[in-house]
């Protein structure tokens, strides 16, 4: 389990051993971003926007992975729109996740290709870690997702 907040691990998830993993340095962050987004980020017209998008992920692996995968093989227009979304400040004060991570997750959710996938994602987020695969399937069937 990972968390940027030690209290979430100790109190919310009953972790007994914890250790700190720092943010990625700029080079590591860009390499991870390129690996997740694919070779398209190296094109001359996309690279400047891709660098800005990667920068907005604040060197956080979760944000980098979700945003880069969501934008993989998308048009320059989609990348610019994603940058605009990531630059829009999020006003809620969440103690568990940073604004950058929230924006990254929201962006990747918005890029899911179908409403069924979005509904399944939301169902998984509601059930969290306290459910079984059997329950997930049962609820999915009951809600008509499957």
C-alpha atoms as a PDB file:
ATOM      1  CA  UNK A   1       0.000   0.000   0.000  1.00  0.00           C
ATOM      2  CA  UNK A   2       1.155   3.506  -0.679  1.00  0.00           C
ATOM      3  CA  UNK A   3       0.062   6.871   0.613  1.00  0.00           C
ATOM      4  CA  UNK A   4       1.491  10.359   0.734  1.00  0.00           C
ATOM      5  CA  UNK A   5       0.093  10.641   4.253  1.00  0.00           C
ATOM      6  CA  UNK A   6       1.501   8.359   6.968  1.00  0.00           C
ATOM      7  CA  UNK A   7      -1.662   8.722   9.070  1.00  0.00           C
ATOM      8  CA  UNK A   8      -3.727   7.171   6.274  1.00  0.00           C
ATOM      9  CA  UNK A   9      -1.529   4.076   6.368  1.00  0.00           C
ATOM     10  CA  UNK A  10      -1.298   3.784  10.151  1.00  0.00           C
ATOM     11  CA  UNK A  11      -4.821   4.758  11.144  1.00  0.00           C
ATOM     12  CA  UNK A  12      -6.938   4.094   8.072  1.00  0.00           C
ATOM     13  CA  UNK A  13      -5.275   0.919   6.815  1.00  0.00           C
ATOM     14  CA  UNK A  14      -3.740  -0.457  10.023  1.00  0.00           C
ATOM     15  CA  UNK A  15      -0.233  -0.671   8.573  1.00  0.00           C
ATOM     16  CA  UNK A  16       2.354  -1.646  11.170  1.00  0.00           C
ATOM     17  CA  UNK A  17       5.507  -0.936   9.162  1.00  0.00           C
ATOM     18  CA  UNK A  18       5.889   2.168   7.023  1.00  0.00           C
ATOM     19  CA  UNK A  19       8.729   3.784   5.125  1.00  0.00           C
ATOM     20  CA  UNK A  20       9.098   6.948   3.142  1.00  0.00           C
ATOM     21  CA  UNK A  21       9.400   6.933  -0.639  1.00  0.00           C
ATOM     22  CA  UNK A  22      10.190  10.403  -1.929  1.00  0.00           C
ATOM     23  CA  UNK A  23       9.019  12.092  -5.099  1.00  0.00           C
ATOM     24  CA  UNK A  24      10.794  11.261  -8.330  1.00  0.00           C
ATOM     25  CA  UNK A  25      13.489  13.631  -9.530  1.00  0.00           C
ATOM     26  CA  UNK A  26      12.747  15.508 -12.760  1.00  0.00           C
ATOM     27  CA  UNK A  27      14.600  13.071 -15.027  1.00  0.00           C
ATOM     28  CA  UNK A  28      12.957  10.004 -13.451  1.00  0.00           C
ATOM     29  CA  UNK A  29       9.541  11.659 -13.697  1.00  0.00           C
ATOM     30  CA  UNK A  30      10.000  12.457 -17.387  1.00  0.00           C
ATOM     31  CA  UNK A  31      11.290   8.923 -18.145  1.00  0.00           C
ATOM     32  CA  UNK A  32       8.286   7.359 -16.408  1.00  0.00           C
ATOM     33  CA  UNK A  33       5.958   9.742 -18.232  1.00  0.00           C
ATOM     34  CA  UNK A  34       7.493   8.842 -21.620  1.00  0.00           C
ATOM     35  CA  UNK A  35       7.274   5.131 -20.837  1.00  0.00           C
ATOM     36  CA  UNK A  36       3.591   5.393 -19.894  1.00  0.00           C
ATOM     37  CA  UNK A  37       2.566   7.786 -22.718  1.00  0.00           C
ATOM     38  CA  UNK A  38       4.576   6.157 -25.476  1.00  0.00           C
ATOM     39  CA  UNK A  39       6.802   7.517 -28.227  1.00  0.00           C
ATOM     40  CA  UNK A  40       4.262  10.128 -29.294  1.00  0.00           C
ATOM     41  CA  UNK A  41       5.612  12.544 -26.652  1.00  0.00           C
ATOM     42  CA  UNK A  42       8.845  12.824 -28.616  1.00  0.00           C
ATOM     43  CA  UNK A  43       7.181  14.392 -31.672  1.00  0.00           C
ATOM     44  CA  UNK A  44       8.171  18.015 -32.206  1.00  0.00           C
ATOM     45  CA  UNK A  45       4.651  19.411 -32.048  1.00  0.00           C
ATOM     46  CA  UNK A  46       3.595  17.442 -28.946  1.00  0.00           C
ATOM     47  CA  UNK A  47       6.766  17.489 -26.830  1.00  0.00           C
ATOM     48  CA  UNK A  48       6.395  21.009 -25.331  1.00  0.00           C
ATOM     49  CA  UNK A  49       2.819  20.314 -24.234  1.00  0.00           C
ATOM     50  CA  UNK A  50       3.764  16.845 -22.950  1.00  0.00           C
ATOM     51  CA  UNK A  51       6.551  18.355 -20.840  1.00  0.00           C
ATOM     52  CA  UNK A  52       4.098  20.823 -19.299  1.00  0.00           C
ATOM     53  CA  UNK A  53       1.570  18.055 -18.608  1.00  0.00           C
ATOM     54  CA  UNK A  54       4.291  15.933 -16.993  1.00  0.00           C
ATOM     55  CA  UNK A  55       5.369  18.923 -14.889  1.00  0.00           C
ATOM     56  CA  UNK A  56       1.782  19.357 -13.655  1.00  0.00           C
ATOM     57  CA  UNK A  57       1.933  15.802 -12.300  1.00  0.00           C
ATOM     58  CA  UNK A  58       4.309  17.147  -9.611  1.00  0.00           C
ATOM     59  CA  UNK A  59       6.754  14.203  -9.931  1.00  0.00           C
ATOM     60  CA  UNK A  60       4.173  11.901  -8.322  1.00  0.00           C
ATOM     61  CA  UNK A  61       4.234   8.385  -9.813  1.00  0.00           C
ATOM     62  CA  UNK A  62       0.471   7.848  -9.446  1.00  0.00           C
ATOM     63  CA  UNK A  63      -0.332  11.129 -11.184  1.00  0.00           C
ATOM     64  CA  UNK A  64       2.259  10.518 -13.903  1.00  0.00           C
ATOM     65  CA  UNK A  65       1.022   7.001 -14.646  1.00  0.00           C
ATOM     66  CA  UNK A  66      -2.684   7.855 -14.740  1.00  0.00           C
ATOM     67  CA  UNK A  67      -2.315  10.991 -16.850  1.00  0.00           C
ATOM     68  CA  UNK A  68       0.215   9.537 -19.284  1.00  0.00           C
ATOM     69  CA  UNK A  69      -1.866   6.399 -19.871  1.00  0.00           C
ATOM     70  CA  UNK A  70      -5.023   8.449 -20.335  1.00  0.00           C
ATOM     71  CA  UNK A  71      -3.334  10.576 -23.011  1.00  0.00           C
ATOM     72  CA  UNK A  72      -1.450   7.792 -24.791  1.00  0.00           C
ATOM     73  CA  UNK A  73      -2.006   8.061 -28.579  1.00  0.00           C
ATOM     74  CA  UNK A  74      -4.304  11.082 -28.224  1.00  0.00           C
ATOM     75  CA  UNK A  75      -4.256  14.166 -30.441  1.00  0.00           C
ATOM     76  CA  UNK A  76      -2.474  17.410 -29.624  1.00  0.00           C
ATOM     77  CA  UNK A  77      -5.897  18.913 -28.930  1.00  0.00           C
ATOM     78  CA  UNK A  78      -6.532  16.278 -26.218  1.00  0.00           C
ATOM     79  CA  UNK A  79      -3.122  16.996 -24.682  1.00  0.00           C
ATOM     80  CA  UNK A  80      -3.777  20.740 -24.594  1.00  0.00           C
ATOM     81  CA  UNK A  81      -7.205  20.150 -23.086  1.00  0.00           C
ATOM     82  CA  UNK A  82      -5.649  17.891 -20.437  1.00  0.00           C
ATOM     83  CA  UNK A  83      -3.097  20.582 -19.623  1.00  0.00           C
ATOM     84  CA  UNK A  84      -5.903  23.093 -19.200  1.00  0.00           C
ATOM     85  CA  UNK A  85      -7.722  20.710 -16.853  1.00  0.00           C
ATOM     86  CA  UNK A  86      -4.583  20.093 -14.798  1.00  0.00           C
ATOM     87  CA  UNK A  87      -3.976  23.842 -14.486  1.00  0.00           C
ATOM     88  CA  UNK A  88      -7.469  24.457 -13.091  1.00  0.00           C
ATOM     89  CA  UNK A  89      -7.110  24.585  -9.313  1.00  0.00           C
ATOM     90  CA  UNK A  90      -9.094  22.107  -7.296  1.00  0.00           C
ATOM     91  CA  UNK A  91     -10.816  23.887  -4.419  1.00  0.00           C
ATOM     92  CA  UNK A  92     -11.589  21.013  -2.047  1.00  0.00           C
ATOM     93  CA  UNK A  93      -9.221  20.480   0.862  1.00  0.00           C
ATOM     94  CA  UNK A  94      -8.506  16.760   0.883  1.00  0.00           C
ATOM     95  CA  UNK A  95      -6.130  15.478   3.502  1.00  0.00           C
ATOM     96  CA  UNK A  96      -5.656  12.061   1.886  1.00  0.00           C
ATOM     97  CA  UNK A  97      -4.564  13.125  -1.600  1.00  0.00           C
ATOM     98  CA  UNK A  98      -2.944  16.152  -3.103  1.00  0.00           C
ATOM     99  CA  UNK A  99      -4.670  18.372  -5.642  1.00  0.00           C
ATOM    100  CA  UNK A 100      -2.272  17.112  -8.331  1.00  0.00           C
ATOM    101  CA  UNK A 101      -3.195  13.478  -7.734  1.00  0.00           C
ATOM    102  CA  UNK A 102      -6.913  14.280  -7.603  1.00  0.00           C
ATOM    103  CA  UNK A 103      -6.664  16.171 -10.912  1.00  0.00           C
ATOM    104  CA  UNK A 104      -4.764  13.281 -12.482  1.00  0.00           C
ATOM    105  CA  UNK A 105      -7.333  10.712 -11.375  1.00  0.00           C
ATOM    106  CA  UNK A 106     -10.201  12.916 -12.527  1.00  0.00           C
ATOM    107  CA  UNK A 107      -8.561  13.393 -15.921  1.00  0.00           C
ATOM    108  CA  UNK A 108      -7.977   9.660 -16.389  1.00  0.00           C
ATOM    109  CA  UNK A 109     -11.589   8.948 -15.331  1.00  0.00           C
ATOM    110  CA  UNK A 110     -12.874  11.445 -17.888  1.00  0.00           C
ATOM    111  CA  UNK A 111     -10.828   9.687 -20.589  1.00  0.00           C
ATOM    112  CA  UNK A 112     -12.283   6.234 -19.936  1.00  0.00           C
ATOM    113  CA  UNK A 113     -13.801   5.125 -23.251  1.00  0.00           C
ATOM    114  CA  UNK A 114     -17.262   4.101 -22.051  1.00  0.00           C
ATOM    115  CA  UNK A 115     -19.874   4.841 -19.420  1.00  0.00           C
ATOM    116  CA  UNK A 116     -19.760   1.189 -18.341  1.00  0.00           C
ATOM    117  CA  UNK A 117     -16.087   1.508 -17.463  1.00  0.00           C
ATOM    118  CA  UNK A 118     -16.763   4.763 -15.605  1.00  0.00           C
ATOM    119  CA  UNK A 119     -19.542   3.118 -13.600  1.00  0.00           C
ATOM    120  CA  UNK A 120     -17.328   0.135 -12.796  1.00  0.00           C
ATOM    121  CA  UNK A 121     -14.531   2.474 -11.698  1.00  0.00           C
ATOM    122  CA  UNK A 122     -16.931   4.311  -9.388  1.00  0.00           C
ATOM    123  CA  UNK A 123     -18.232   1.035  -7.984  1.00  0.00           C
ATOM    124  CA  UNK A 124     -14.681  -0.115  -7.240  1.00  0.00           C
ATOM    125  CA  UNK A 125     -13.909   3.170  -5.507  1.00  0.00           C
ATOM    126  CA  UNK A 126     -17.005   2.790  -3.321  1.00  0.00           C
ATOM    127  CA  UNK A 127     -16.195  -0.789  -2.349  1.00  0.00           C
ATOM    128  CA  UNK A 128     -12.525  -0.033  -1.665  1.00  0.00           C
ATOM    129  CA  UNK A 129     -10.423  -2.799  -0.157  1.00  0.00           C
ATOM    130  CA  UNK A 130     -13.155  -4.312   2.017  1.00  0.00           C
ATOM    131  CA  UNK A 131     -14.835  -6.409  -0.631  1.00  0.00           C
ATOM    132  CA  UNK A 132     -14.183  -9.557  -2.586  1.00  0.00           C
ATOM    133  CA  UNK A 133     -14.211 -10.117  -6.310  1.00  0.00           C
ATOM    134  CA  UNK A 134     -17.395 -12.126  -5.809  1.00  0.00           C
ATOM    135  CA  UNK A 135     -19.120  -9.112  -4.239  1.00  0.00           C
ATOM    136  CA  UNK A 136     -17.846  -6.832  -7.001  1.00  0.00           C
ATOM    137  CA  UNK A 137     -19.360  -9.149  -9.609  1.00  0.00           C
ATOM    138  CA  UNK A 138     -22.603  -9.460  -7.635  1.00  0.00           C
ATOM    139  CA  UNK A 139     -23.009  -5.670  -7.366  1.00  0.00           C
ATOM    140  CA  UNK A 140     -22.024  -5.177 -11.007  1.00  0.00           C
ATOM    141  CA  UNK A 141     -24.678  -7.642 -12.109  1.00  0.00           C
ATOM    142  CA  UNK A 142     -27.276  -6.091  -9.820  1.00  0.00           C
ATOM    143  CA  UNK A 143     -26.580  -2.619 -11.191  1.00  0.00           C
ATOM    144  CA  UNK A 144     -26.691  -3.864 -14.762  1.00  0.00           C
ATOM    145  CA  UNK A 145     -23.026  -3.118 -15.464  1.00  0.00           C
ATOM    146  CA  UNK A 146     -22.428  -6.669 -16.661  1.00  0.00           C
END
